[in-house]
Amino acid sequence: MNIKFDFSKIKTIKLGDDKYPENLKNIYGKPQILYVLGNEELLNSKAIAIVGCRNATDYGLKNAYKFGYELAKKGICIISGFARGIDTYSHKGAIAAKGKTIAVLGCGLDIIYPPENGELYKQIIKSGGAIITEYSLGSKPEKHHFPARNRIISGLSEGVLVVEAKKRSGTMITVEHALEQGKEVYAVPGSVFSDNSYGTNELIKEGAIPVTRVEDFIVN
């Protein structure tokens, strides 16, 4: 699905520009260019990334919304990938709290993917948030774009919260980037009978910080 908007409102931030995000300057594979729609000042704000399954359970969706809402209430920007499931609900939670959120796309700014998130796209901008990508206008949501954009999601944040993750999950790519970048990794514990909580429970066993309330986050 394509979206019509004023192309003049897109900001282009290149590596070396004054507004290039500090948190991205030292990561491996830092993007050479960012296309930004909305509030570019958020790129240097205090932020937590929230990630997880596209095919999330009700438990996962409620936690994504809860932590998106409660962190945003505390003035922390919520970063996620605009995908179905956990991403969508973390963005919605931040907006409901009248907070700020950044969506990192795996396509050009003129393409809404998934297509059902058209209204969310508008709400993010209207609420003072930002939608960003390293891909130029017209770039389609190719499969390989999504693992690549995950380094930006973790790179912009001070820590990454994993709400739900299966044994083999693209979410774990974001965790790998976060660990390489020296970021805190948080995880929501879940039922041992839930495939969607396998990854989060394993992360906790490996040293991730278990999160059951907003006070569990360490944000400087």
N, C-alpha and C. Protein backbone atom coordinates (compact mmCIF):
# COMPACT_ATOMS: atom_id res chain seq x y z
N MET A 1 0.85 -1.21 0.00
CA MET A 1 0.00 0.00 0.00
C MET A 1 0.88 1.25 0.00
N ASN A 2 0.59 2.18 -0.91
CA ASN A 2 1.32 3.44 -0.95
C ASN A 2 0.56 4.50 -0.16
N ILE A 3 1.28 5.51 0.32
CA ILE A 3 0.64 6.59 1.04
C ILE A 3 1.03 7.91 0.40
N LYS A 4 0.07 8.82 0.32
CA LYS A 4 0.34 10.13 -0.26
C LYS A 4 0.60 11.13 0.86
N PHE A 5 1.70 11.85 0.75
CA PHE A 5 2.00 12.89 1.72
C PHE A 5 2.94 13.90 1.05
N ASP A 6 3.23 14.94 1.74
CA ASP A 6 4.09 16.01 1.22
C ASP A 6 5.54 15.56 1.28
N PHE A 7 6.12 15.25 0.13
CA PHE A 7 7.50 14.77 0.09
C PHE A 7 8.49 15.79 0.65
N SER A 8 8.10 17.06 0.63
CA SER A 8 9.01 18.09 1.13
C SER A 8 9.24 17.99 2.64
N LYS A 9 8.38 17.23 3.31
CA LYS A 9 8.51 17.09 4.76
C LYS A 9 9.51 16.01 5.18
N ILE A 10 10.03 15.27 4.22
CA ILE A 10 11.04 14.25 4.53
C ILE A 10 12.38 14.93 4.76
N LYS A 11 13.00 14.58 5.88
CA LYS A 11 14.35 15.08 6.14
C LYS A 11 15.35 13.99 5.81
N THR A 12 16.47 14.37 5.26
CA THR A 12 17.54 13.44 4.94
C THR A 12 18.72 13.74 5.85
N ILE A 13 19.12 12.76 6.65
CA ILE A 13 20.23 12.94 7.58
C ILE A 13 21.35 11.98 7.18
N LYS A 14 22.50 12.53 6.87
CA LYS A 14 23.64 11.73 6.43
C LYS A 14 24.66 11.58 7.55
N LEU A 15 25.42 10.48 7.49
CA LEU A 15 26.50 10.29 8.44
C LEU A 15 27.46 11.47 8.36
N GLY A 16 27.73 12.08 9.50
CA GLY A 16 28.57 13.28 9.52
C GLY A 16 27.78 14.55 9.74
N ASP A 17 26.45 14.51 9.49
CA ASP A 17 25.61 15.67 9.76
C ASP A 17 25.46 15.88 11.26
N ASP A 18 25.21 17.12 11.66
CA ASP A 18 25.06 17.45 13.08
C ASP A 18 23.91 16.67 13.72
N LYS A 19 22.85 16.42 12.96
CA LYS A 19 21.68 15.76 13.53
C LYS A 19 21.74 14.23 13.42
N TYR A 20 22.84 13.70 12.93
CA TYR A 20 22.97 12.24 12.87
C TYR A 20 22.96 11.69 14.30
N PRO A 21 22.16 10.65 14.57
CA PRO A 21 22.02 10.16 15.95
C PRO A 21 23.34 9.69 16.58
N GLU A 22 23.62 10.20 17.76
CA GLU A 22 24.84 9.83 18.47
C GLU A 22 24.94 8.33 18.67
N ASN A 23 23.83 7.70 19.02
CA ASN A 23 23.84 6.27 19.32
C ASN A 23 24.14 5.39 18.12
N LEU A 24 24.04 5.94 16.91
CA LEU A 24 24.32 5.14 15.72
C LEU A 24 25.75 5.32 15.22
N LYS A 25 26.45 6.33 15.72
CA LYS A 25 27.76 6.66 15.17
C LYS A 25 28.80 5.55 15.33
N ASN A 26 28.68 4.76 16.39
CA ASN A 26 29.71 3.77 16.67
C ASN A 26 29.26 2.33 16.49
N ILE A 27 28.07 2.11 15.92
CA ILE A 27 27.63 0.72 15.75
C ILE A 27 28.22 0.14 14.47
N TYR A 28 28.31 -1.17 14.45
CA TYR A 28 28.78 -1.85 13.24
C TYR A 28 27.73 -1.72 12.14
N GLY A 29 28.17 -1.36 10.96
CA GLY A 29 27.23 -1.23 9.84
C GLY A 29 26.32 -0.03 9.96
N LYS A 30 26.83 1.05 10.56
CA LYS A 30 25.99 2.24 10.73
C LYS A 30 25.45 2.71 9.39
N PRO A 31 24.18 3.10 9.36
CA PRO A 31 23.59 3.57 8.10
C PRO A 31 24.24 4.86 7.63
N GLN A 32 24.48 4.95 6.35
CA GLN A 32 25.11 6.15 5.78
C GLN A 32 24.12 7.29 5.62
N ILE A 33 22.84 6.92 5.57
CA ILE A 33 21.80 7.93 5.37
C ILE A 33 20.51 7.46 6.05
N LEU A 34 19.76 8.41 6.59
CA LEU A 34 18.46 8.12 7.19
C LEU A 34 17.44 9.08 6.57
N TYR A 35 16.29 8.53 6.22
CA TYR A 35 15.18 9.35 5.74
C TYR A 35 14.18 9.43 6.89
N VAL A 36 13.78 10.64 7.24
CA VAL A 36 12.97 10.85 8.45
C VAL A 36 11.71 11.62 8.12
N LEU A 37 10.57 11.09 8.57
CA LEU A 37 9.31 11.81 8.49
C LEU A 37 8.84 12.02 9.92
N GLY A 38 8.62 13.28 10.29
CA GLY A 38 8.22 13.56 11.67
C GLY A 38 9.32 14.25 12.45
N ASN A 39 9.34 13.99 13.75
CA ASN A 39 10.21 14.70 14.68
C ASN A 39 11.61 14.10 14.73
N GLU A 40 12.56 14.67 13.98
CA GLU A 40 13.92 14.12 13.93
C GLU A 40 14.68 14.29 15.24
N GLU A 41 14.20 15.20 16.11
CA GLU A 41 14.87 15.39 17.40
C GLU A 41 14.79 14.12 18.25
N LEU A 42 13.80 13.29 18.02
CA LEU A 42 13.65 12.05 18.79
C LEU A 42 14.80 11.09 18.59
N LEU A 43 15.54 11.22 17.50
CA LEU A 43 16.62 10.29 17.20
C LEU A 43 17.74 10.36 18.23
N ASN A 44 17.77 11.43 19.01
CA ASN A 44 18.78 11.56 20.06
C ASN A 44 18.14 11.56 21.44
N SER A 45 16.95 10.99 21.55
CA SER A 45 16.25 10.98 22.84
C SER A 45 16.53 9.70 23.61
N LYS A 46 16.18 9.70 24.89
CA LYS A 46 16.29 8.51 25.72
C LYS A 46 15.23 7.52 25.25
N ALA A 47 15.65 6.30 24.91
CA ALA A 47 14.70 5.39 24.26
C ALA A 47 14.92 3.93 24.67
N ILE A 48 13.84 3.18 24.62
CA ILE A 48 13.85 1.73 24.80
C ILE A 48 13.18 1.11 23.57
N ALA A 49 13.79 0.08 23.02
CA ALA A 49 13.19 -0.65 21.91
C ALA A 49 12.34 -1.80 22.45
N ILE A 50 11.19 -2.01 21.85
CA ILE A 50 10.33 -3.13 22.21
C ILE A 50 10.13 -3.99 20.96
N VAL A 51 10.46 -5.28 21.07
CA VAL A 51 10.39 -6.17 19.91
C VAL A 51 9.77 -7.50 20.30
N GLY A 52 9.36 -8.28 19.29
CA GLY A 52 8.76 -9.57 19.59
C GLY A 52 8.06 -10.16 18.38
N CYS A 53 7.27 -11.18 18.63
CA CYS A 53 6.61 -11.97 17.58
C CYS A 53 5.60 -11.16 16.77
N ARG A 54 5.54 -11.44 15.48
CA ARG A 54 4.46 -10.91 14.67
C ARG A 54 3.16 -11.64 15.02
N ASN A 55 3.23 -12.94 15.15
CA ASN A 55 2.07 -13.74 15.54
C ASN A 55 2.03 -13.85 17.06
N ALA A 56 1.76 -12.74 17.70
CA ALA A 56 1.82 -12.67 19.16
C ALA A 56 0.56 -13.23 19.80
N THR A 57 0.70 -13.66 21.05
CA THR A 57 -0.45 -14.08 21.84
C THR A 57 -1.10 -12.85 22.47
N ASP A 58 -2.29 -13.02 23.03
CA ASP A 58 -2.93 -11.92 23.76
C ASP A 58 -2.04 -11.45 24.91
N TYR A 59 -1.38 -12.40 25.57
CA TYR A 59 -0.47 -12.08 26.67
C TYR A 59 0.65 -11.16 26.16
N GLY A 60 1.20 -11.49 25.00
CA GLY A 60 2.27 -10.68 24.43
C GLY A 60 1.80 -9.30 24.03
N LEU A 61 0.64 -9.22 23.38
CA LEU A 61 0.11 -7.93 22.95
C LEU A 61 -0.18 -7.02 24.14
N LYS A 62 -0.74 -7.60 25.19
CA LYS A 62 -1.04 -6.81 26.39
C LYS A 62 0.24 -6.27 27.03
N ASN A 63 1.29 -7.08 27.05
CA ASN A 63 2.55 -6.63 27.64
C ASN A 63 3.23 -5.58 26.77
N ALA A 64 3.17 -5.74 25.45
CA ALA A 64 3.74 -4.74 24.54
C ALA A 64 3.06 -3.40 24.74
N TYR A 65 1.75 -3.41 24.82
CA TYR A 65 0.98 -2.18 25.02
C TYR A 65 1.29 -1.58 26.40
N LYS A 66 1.29 -2.43 27.42
CA LYS A 66 1.52 -1.99 28.80
C LYS A 66 2.88 -1.30 28.94
N PHE A 67 3.94 -1.94 28.44
CA PHE A 67 5.27 -1.36 28.62
C PHE A 67 5.50 -0.18 27.68
N GLY A 68 4.90 -0.22 26.48
CA GLY A 68 4.96 0.95 25.62
C GLY A 68 4.31 2.15 26.28
N TYR A 69 3.16 1.91 26.90
CA TYR A 69 2.41 2.97 27.58
C TYR A 69 3.17 3.49 28.80
N GLU A 70 3.60 2.59 29.67
CA GLU A 70 4.19 3.00 30.94
C GLU A 70 5.57 3.64 30.77
N LEU A 71 6.36 3.13 29.84
CA LEU A 71 7.66 3.76 29.57
C LEU A 71 7.47 5.14 28.95
N ALA A 72 6.53 5.25 28.02
CA ALA A 72 6.25 6.55 27.40
C ALA A 72 5.76 7.57 28.41
N LYS A 73 4.97 7.11 29.39
CA LYS A 73 4.49 7.99 30.45
C LYS A 73 5.65 8.59 31.24
N LYS A 74 6.76 7.84 31.30
CA LYS A 74 7.94 8.30 32.02
C LYS A 74 8.87 9.14 31.14
N GLY A 75 8.41 9.45 29.94
CA GLY A 75 9.19 10.31 29.05
C GLY A 75 10.21 9.57 28.21
N ILE A 76 10.10 8.25 28.16
CA ILE A 76 11.03 7.45 27.36
C ILE A 76 10.42 7.17 25.99
N CYS A 77 11.17 7.41 24.95
CA CYS A 77 10.70 7.17 23.58
C CYS A 77 10.69 5.66 23.31
N ILE A 78 9.66 5.19 22.65
CA ILE A 78 9.53 3.78 22.31
C ILE A 78 9.92 3.57 20.85
N ILE A 79 10.88 2.67 20.64
CA ILE A 79 11.32 2.35 19.28
C ILE A 79 10.89 0.94 18.92
N SER A 80 10.34 0.78 17.73
CA SER A 80 10.00 -0.56 17.27
C SER A 80 9.98 -0.57 15.75
N GLY A 81 9.61 -1.72 15.19
CA GLY A 81 9.75 -1.90 13.75
C GLY A 81 8.50 -1.85 12.92
N PHE A 82 7.36 -1.42 13.51
CA PHE A 82 6.12 -1.18 12.77
C PHE A 82 5.52 -2.47 12.21
N ALA A 83 6.02 -3.63 12.63
CA ALA A 83 5.49 -4.90 12.13
C ALA A 83 4.19 -5.26 12.84
N ARG A 84 3.52 -6.29 12.35
CA ARG A 84 2.34 -6.81 13.03
C ARG A 84 2.72 -7.31 14.43
N GLY A 85 1.72 -7.39 15.30
CA GLY A 85 1.95 -8.00 16.60
C GLY A 85 2.58 -7.08 17.63
N ILE A 86 3.69 -7.51 18.21
CA ILE A 86 4.33 -6.79 19.32
C ILE A 86 4.70 -5.37 18.93
N ASP A 87 5.30 -5.19 17.75
CA ASP A 87 5.70 -3.85 17.31
C ASP A 87 4.52 -2.90 17.30
N THR A 88 3.45 -3.31 16.64
CA THR A 88 2.27 -2.47 16.50
C THR A 88 1.71 -2.05 17.86
N TYR A 89 1.61 -3.00 18.79
CA TYR A 89 1.03 -2.69 20.09
C TYR A 89 1.95 -1.84 20.97
N SER A 90 3.25 -1.95 20.79
CA SER A 90 4.15 -1.07 21.56
C SER A 90 4.04 0.37 21.06
N HIS A 91 3.93 0.55 19.74
CA HIS A 91 3.70 1.90 19.19
C HIS A 91 2.38 2.47 19.72
N LYS A 92 1.33 1.64 19.69
CA LYS A 92 0.01 2.09 20.13
C LYS A 92 0.01 2.47 21.61
N GLY A 93 0.70 1.71 22.43
CA GLY A 93 0.79 2.02 23.85
C GLY A 93 1.43 3.38 24.09
N ALA A 94 2.51 3.65 23.38
CA ALA A 94 3.19 4.94 23.52
C ALA A 94 2.29 6.10 23.11
N ILE A 95 1.57 5.93 22.02
CA ILE A 95 0.67 6.98 21.54
C ILE A 95 -0.47 7.21 22.54
N ALA A 96 -1.02 6.12 23.09
CA ALA A 96 -2.11 6.25 24.07
C ALA A 96 -1.65 7.00 25.32
N ALA A 97 -0.37 6.89 25.65
CA ALA A 97 0.18 7.59 26.82
C ALA A 97 0.53 9.04 26.51
N LYS A 98 0.27 9.45 25.27
CA LYS A 98 0.64 10.79 24.79
C LYS A 98 2.16 10.97 24.84
N GLY A 99 2.85 9.84 24.60
CA GLY A 99 4.31 9.86 24.55
C GLY A 99 4.79 9.85 23.12
N LYS A 100 6.06 9.54 22.95
CA LYS A 100 6.68 9.57 21.63
C LYS A 100 7.16 8.18 21.22
N THR A 101 7.09 7.92 19.93
CA THR A 101 7.53 6.63 19.41
C THR A 101 8.18 6.81 18.05
N ILE A 102 9.15 5.94 17.77
CA ILE A 102 9.84 5.91 16.47
C ILE A 102 9.60 4.56 15.82
N ALA A 103 9.15 4.57 14.58
CA ALA A 103 9.00 3.35 13.80
C ALA A 103 10.13 3.27 12.79
N VAL A 104 10.85 2.16 12.79
CA VAL A 104 11.95 1.95 11.85
C VAL A 104 11.47 0.98 10.77
N LEU A 105 11.38 1.46 9.53
CA LEU A 105 10.81 0.68 8.45
C LEU A 105 11.86 -0.14 7.70
N GLY A 106 11.37 -1.18 7.05
CA GLY A 106 12.20 -1.98 6.16
C GLY A 106 11.86 -1.71 4.72
N CYS A 107 11.40 -0.50 4.42
CA CYS A 107 11.00 -0.10 3.07
C CYS A 107 11.06 1.43 3.00
N GLY A 108 10.68 1.98 1.85
CA GLY A 108 10.66 3.43 1.71
C GLY A 108 9.54 4.07 2.51
N LEU A 109 9.67 5.36 2.79
CA LEU A 109 8.67 6.06 3.60
C LEU A 109 7.32 6.20 2.90
N ASP A 110 7.30 6.00 1.60
CA ASP A 110 6.05 6.13 0.86
C ASP A 110 5.27 4.82 0.76
N ILE A 111 5.73 3.79 1.45
CA ILE A 111 5.05 2.49 1.41
C ILE A 111 4.69 2.08 2.83
N ILE A 112 3.42 1.74 3.03
CA ILE A 112 2.97 1.26 4.34
C ILE A 112 3.00 -0.26 4.34
N TYR A 113 3.82 -0.81 5.24
CA TYR A 113 3.88 -2.26 5.38
C TYR A 113 4.04 -2.61 6.84
N PRO A 114 3.09 -3.39 7.40
CA PRO A 114 1.95 -4.03 6.73
C PRO A 114 0.87 -3.01 6.37
N PRO A 115 0.10 -3.28 5.32
CA PRO A 115 -0.86 -2.30 4.82
C PRO A 115 -1.95 -1.92 5.80
N GLU A 116 -2.28 -2.80 6.75
CA GLU A 116 -3.34 -2.48 7.71
C GLU A 116 -2.91 -1.43 8.73
N ASN A 117 -1.63 -1.04 8.72
CA ASN A 117 -1.14 -0.07 9.68
C ASN A 117 -1.16 1.37 9.16
N GLY A 118 -2.00 1.62 8.16
CA GLY A 118 -2.08 2.97 7.61
C GLY A 118 -2.48 4.01 8.64
N GLU A 119 -3.47 3.69 9.46
CA GLU A 119 -3.92 4.63 10.49
C GLU A 119 -2.84 4.83 11.55
N LEU A 120 -2.14 3.78 11.91
CA LEU A 120 -1.05 3.89 12.89
C LEU A 120 0.06 4.79 12.35
N TYR A 121 0.35 4.67 11.07
CA TYR A 121 1.35 5.52 10.41
C TYR A 121 1.01 7.00 10.65
N LYS A 122 -0.25 7.33 10.40
CA LYS A 122 -0.70 8.72 10.57
C LYS A 122 -0.63 9.15 12.04
N GLN A 123 -1.01 8.24 12.95
CA GLN A 123 -1.03 8.57 14.37
C GLN A 123 0.37 8.83 14.92
N ILE A 124 1.34 8.07 14.44
CA ILE A 124 2.71 8.28 14.91
C ILE A 124 3.17 9.69 14.58
N ILE A 125 2.92 10.12 13.35
CA ILE A 125 3.32 11.48 12.95
C ILE A 125 2.51 12.53 13.70
N LYS A 126 1.19 12.33 13.78
CA LYS A 126 0.31 13.30 14.44
C LYS A 126 0.66 13.48 15.92
N SER A 127 1.15 12.41 16.56
CA SER A 127 1.46 12.46 17.99
C SER A 127 2.86 13.02 18.28
N GLY A 128 3.55 13.43 17.24
CA GLY A 128 4.89 14.00 17.45
C GLY A 128 6.00 12.98 17.39
N GLY A 129 5.69 11.79 16.86
CA GLY A 129 6.70 10.75 16.72
C GLY A 129 7.43 10.86 15.40
N ALA A 130 8.14 9.80 15.05
CA ALA A 130 8.92 9.82 13.81
C ALA A 130 8.88 8.44 13.15
N ILE A 131 8.94 8.45 11.82
CA ILE A 131 9.06 7.23 11.03
C ILE A 131 10.33 7.36 10.22
N ILE A 132 11.22 6.37 10.34
CA ILE A 132 12.52 6.50 9.70
C ILE A 132 12.86 5.24 8.92
N THR A 133 13.80 5.38 8.00
CA THR A 133 14.29 4.25 7.22
C THR A 133 15.61 4.62 6.59
N GLU A 134 16.39 3.63 6.22
CA GLU A 134 17.61 3.88 5.45
C GLU A 134 17.36 3.63 3.96
N TYR A 135 16.12 3.26 3.63
CA TYR A 135 15.77 2.93 2.26
C TYR A 135 15.07 4.10 1.56
N SER A 136 15.43 4.34 0.33
CA SER A 136 14.90 5.47 -0.43
C SER A 136 13.45 5.26 -0.81
N LEU A 137 12.79 6.33 -1.22
CA LEU A 137 11.39 6.26 -1.65
C LEU A 137 11.23 5.23 -2.76
N GLY A 138 10.17 4.46 -2.65
CA GLY A 138 9.89 3.44 -3.64
C GLY A 138 10.49 2.08 -3.32
N SER A 139 11.36 2.02 -2.30
CA SER A 139 11.98 0.74 -1.93
C SER A 139 10.93 -0.19 -1.33
N LYS A 140 10.81 -1.36 -1.87
CA LYS A 140 9.80 -2.31 -1.41
C LYS A 140 10.26 -3.02 -0.13
N PRO A 141 9.31 -3.58 0.62
CA PRO A 141 9.67 -4.29 1.86
C PRO A 141 10.25 -5.66 1.56
N GLU A 142 11.48 -5.69 1.06
CA GLU A 142 12.14 -6.94 0.74
C GLU A 142 12.47 -7.71 2.02
N LYS A 143 12.48 -9.02 1.93
CA LYS A 143 12.69 -9.86 3.10
C LYS A 143 14.00 -9.54 3.82
N HIS A 144 15.07 -9.30 3.07
CA HIS A 144 16.38 -9.06 3.69
C HIS A 144 16.49 -7.68 4.33
N HIS A 145 15.55 -6.79 4.06
CA HIS A 145 15.59 -5.45 4.67
C HIS A 145 15.31 -5.50 6.17
N PHE A 146 14.50 -6.46 6.59
CA PHE A 146 14.04 -6.45 7.99
C PHE A 146 15.12 -6.86 8.99
N PRO A 147 15.89 -7.93 8.72
CA PRO A 147 17.01 -8.20 9.62
C PRO A 147 18.01 -7.04 9.67
N ALA A 148 18.21 -6.37 8.52
CA ALA A 148 19.16 -5.25 8.46
C ALA A 148 18.67 -4.06 9.29
N ARG A 149 17.38 -3.76 9.22
CA ARG A 149 16.88 -2.59 9.95
C ARG A 149 16.92 -2.80 11.47
N ASN A 150 17.03 -4.08 11.91
CA ASN A 150 17.03 -4.36 13.35
C ASN A 150 18.24 -3.75 14.05
N ARG A 151 19.36 -3.60 13.34
CA ARG A 151 20.54 -2.98 13.96
C ARG A 151 20.27 -1.51 14.29
N ILE A 152 19.37 -0.88 13.53
CA ILE A 152 19.02 0.52 13.79
C ILE A 152 18.08 0.60 14.99
N ILE A 153 17.15 -0.34 15.08
CA ILE A 153 16.22 -0.38 16.22
C ILE A 153 17.00 -0.49 17.53
N SER A 154 17.92 -1.44 17.60
CA SER A 154 18.71 -1.59 18.84
C SER A 154 19.71 -0.46 19.00
N GLY A 155 20.29 -0.01 17.89
CA GLY A 155 21.31 1.03 17.95
C GLY A 155 20.81 2.35 18.51
N LEU A 156 19.58 2.72 18.20
CA LEU A 156 19.01 3.98 18.68
C LEU A 156 18.63 3.93 20.16
N SER A 157 18.50 2.73 20.70
CA SER A 157 17.96 2.57 22.05
C SER A 157 19.04 2.45 23.11
N GLU A 158 18.61 2.60 24.36
CA GLU A 158 19.51 2.32 25.49
C GLU A 158 19.38 0.86 25.92
N GLY A 159 18.31 0.22 25.52
CA GLY A 159 18.09 -1.18 25.84
C GLY A 159 16.97 -1.74 24.99
N VAL A 160 16.92 -3.07 24.90
CA VAL A 160 15.91 -3.75 24.08
C VAL A 160 15.08 -4.67 24.96
N LEU A 161 13.75 -4.49 24.90
CA LEU A 161 12.82 -5.37 25.61
C LEU A 161 12.25 -6.39 24.63
N VAL A 162 12.46 -7.67 24.92
CA VAL A 162 11.87 -8.74 24.12
C VAL A 162 10.62 -9.21 24.84
N VAL A 163 9.47 -9.04 24.20
CA VAL A 163 8.20 -9.39 24.82
C VAL A 163 7.86 -10.86 24.58
N GLU A 164 8.00 -11.30 23.34
CA GLU A 164 7.80 -12.70 22.99
C GLU A 164 8.77 -13.07 21.88
N ALA A 165 9.29 -14.32 21.92
CA ALA A 165 10.18 -14.79 20.87
C ALA A 165 10.17 -16.31 20.84
N LYS A 166 10.00 -16.86 19.66
CA LYS A 166 10.04 -18.31 19.51
C LYS A 166 11.49 -18.79 19.50
N LYS A 167 11.65 -20.12 19.46
CA LYS A 167 12.99 -20.71 19.51
C LYS A 167 13.85 -20.19 18.37
N ARG A 168 13.27 -20.20 17.16
CA ARG A 168 13.96 -19.60 16.01
C ARG A 168 13.15 -18.38 15.61
N SER A 169 13.72 -17.21 15.84
CA SER A 169 12.94 -15.98 15.67
C SER A 169 13.80 -14.86 15.14
N GLY A 170 13.21 -14.04 14.26
CA GLY A 170 13.91 -12.86 13.78
C GLY A 170 14.18 -11.87 14.90
N THR A 171 13.39 -11.96 15.96
CA THR A 171 13.60 -11.08 17.12
C THR A 171 14.99 -11.27 17.69
N MET A 172 15.50 -12.50 17.63
CA MET A 172 16.82 -12.78 18.19
C MET A 172 17.93 -12.06 17.43
N ILE A 173 17.67 -11.69 16.18
CA ILE A 173 18.65 -10.91 15.43
C ILE A 173 18.83 -9.55 16.09
N THR A 174 17.72 -8.96 16.53
CA THR A 174 17.79 -7.68 17.24
C THR A 174 18.56 -7.83 18.54
N VAL A 175 18.33 -8.94 19.24
CA VAL A 175 19.06 -9.20 20.49
C VAL A 175 20.56 -9.30 20.22
N GLU A 176 20.94 -10.00 19.15
CA GLU A 176 22.35 -10.13 18.80
C GLU A 176 22.98 -8.77 18.53
N HIS A 177 22.26 -7.92 17.82
CA HIS A 177 22.76 -6.56 17.57
C HIS A 177 22.90 -5.80 18.88
N ALA A 178 21.91 -5.93 19.76
CA ALA A 178 21.94 -5.22 21.04
C ALA A 178 23.16 -5.63 21.86
N LEU A 179 23.43 -6.92 21.90
CA LEU A 179 24.58 -7.41 22.67
C LEU A 179 25.89 -6.91 22.07
N GLU A 180 25.99 -6.94 20.76
CA GLU A 180 27.18 -6.43 20.08
C GLU A 180 27.39 -4.95 20.36
N GLN A 181 26.29 -4.22 20.50
CA GLN A 181 26.34 -2.78 20.71
C GLN A 181 26.46 -2.40 22.18
N GLY A 182 26.47 -3.40 23.07
CA GLY A 182 26.62 -3.14 24.50
C GLY A 182 25.36 -2.61 25.16
N LYS A 183 24.20 -2.95 24.61
CA LYS A 183 22.94 -2.48 25.17
C LYS A 183 22.37 -3.49 26.18
N GLU A 184 21.56 -2.99 27.10
CA GLU A 184 20.86 -3.87 28.04
C GLU A 184 19.80 -4.67 27.27
N VAL A 185 19.64 -5.94 27.65
CA VAL A 185 18.58 -6.77 27.08
C VAL A 185 17.62 -7.15 28.19
N TYR A 186 16.34 -6.88 27.98
CA TYR A 186 15.28 -7.19 28.93
C TYR A 186 14.36 -8.23 28.29
N ALA A 187 13.69 -9.00 29.11
CA ALA A 187 12.76 -10.00 28.58
C ALA A 187 11.58 -10.18 29.51
N VAL A 188 10.41 -10.35 28.92
CA VAL A 188 9.19 -10.64 29.69
C VAL A 188 9.09 -12.15 29.88
N PRO A 189 9.11 -12.66 31.12
CA PRO A 189 8.97 -14.09 31.32
C PRO A 189 7.58 -14.57 30.91
N GLY A 190 7.51 -15.81 30.47
CA GLY A 190 6.21 -16.34 30.04
C GLY A 190 6.06 -17.80 30.41
N SER A 191 4.95 -18.36 30.04
CA SER A 191 4.63 -19.75 30.35
C SER A 191 5.61 -20.71 29.68
N VAL A 192 6.01 -21.75 30.40
CA VAL A 192 6.88 -22.76 29.82
C VAL A 192 6.13 -23.59 28.77
N PHE A 193 4.83 -23.44 28.71
CA PHE A 193 4.02 -24.16 27.74
C PHE A 193 3.77 -23.35 26.46
N SER A 194 4.27 -22.12 26.42
CA SER A 194 4.05 -21.25 25.27
C SER A 194 5.28 -21.20 24.37
N ASP A 195 5.11 -21.57 23.08
CA ASP A 195 6.21 -21.47 22.13
C ASP A 195 6.71 -20.04 22.01
N ASN A 196 5.81 -19.07 22.16
CA ASN A 196 6.17 -17.67 22.02
C ASN A 196 7.02 -17.15 23.17
N SER A 197 7.04 -17.88 24.28
CA SER A 197 7.85 -17.46 25.42
C SER A 197 9.14 -18.26 25.56
N TYR A 198 9.36 -19.19 24.64
CA TYR A 198 10.58 -20.00 24.70
C TYR A 198 11.82 -19.08 24.66
N GLY A 199 11.84 -18.18 23.70
CA GLY A 199 13.00 -17.31 23.53
C GLY A 199 13.23 -16.37 24.70
N THR A 200 12.15 -15.80 25.22
CA THR A 200 12.31 -14.86 26.35
C THR A 200 12.78 -15.59 27.60
N ASN A 201 12.24 -16.78 27.85
CA ASN A 201 12.67 -17.54 29.02
C ASN A 201 14.13 -17.96 28.91
N GLU A 202 14.56 -18.31 27.69
CA GLU A 202 15.97 -18.66 27.48
C GLU A 202 16.87 -17.45 27.68
N LEU A 203 16.44 -16.30 27.21
CA LEU A 203 17.23 -15.08 27.39
C LEU A 203 17.44 -14.76 28.87
N ILE A 204 16.40 -14.95 29.66
CA ILE A 204 16.50 -14.70 31.10
C ILE A 204 17.51 -15.66 31.72
N LYS A 205 17.48 -16.92 31.31
CA LYS A 205 18.44 -17.89 31.84
C LYS A 205 19.87 -17.51 31.46
N GLU A 206 20.02 -16.83 30.32
CA GLU A 206 21.34 -16.44 29.83
C GLU A 206 21.79 -15.08 30.36
N GLY A 207 20.96 -14.42 31.17
CA GLY A 207 21.40 -13.18 31.79
C GLY A 207 20.60 -11.94 31.46
N ALA A 208 19.58 -12.06 30.60
CA ALA A 208 18.72 -10.90 30.33
C ALA A 208 17.97 -10.51 31.60
N ILE A 209 17.66 -9.23 31.73
CA ILE A 209 16.95 -8.73 32.90
C ILE A 209 15.46 -9.06 32.77
N PRO A 210 14.91 -9.85 33.71
CA PRO A 210 13.46 -10.15 33.64
C PRO A 210 12.64 -8.93 34.00
N VAL A 211 11.59 -8.68 33.23
CA VAL A 211 10.77 -7.49 33.42
C VAL A 211 9.32 -7.89 33.69
N THR A 212 8.79 -7.43 34.80
CA THR A 212 7.37 -7.62 35.10
C THR A 212 6.69 -6.30 35.41
N ARG A 213 7.48 -5.24 35.57
CA ARG A 213 6.94 -3.91 35.86
C ARG A 213 7.91 -2.87 35.32
N VAL A 214 7.43 -1.67 35.13
CA VAL A 214 8.25 -0.63 34.50
C VAL A 214 9.45 -0.24 35.34
N GLU A 215 9.36 -0.46 36.65
CA GLU A 215 10.49 -0.11 37.54
C GLU A 215 11.70 -1.03 37.33
N ASP A 216 11.53 -2.12 36.59
CA ASP A 216 12.63 -3.06 36.37
C ASP A 216 13.64 -2.55 35.35
N PHE A 217 13.29 -1.50 34.62
CA PHE A 217 14.20 -0.98 33.60
C PHE A 217 15.30 -0.11 34.22
N ILE A 218 16.49 -0.21 33.63
CA ILE A 218 17.61 0.63 34.04
C ILE A 218 17.83 1.65 32.93
N VAL A 219 17.39 2.86 33.14
CA VAL A 219 17.53 3.90 32.12
C VAL A 219 18.23 5.09 32.76
N ASN A 220 19.40 5.44 32.24
CA ASN A 220 20.17 6.55 32.80
C ASN A 220 19.62 7.90 32.36
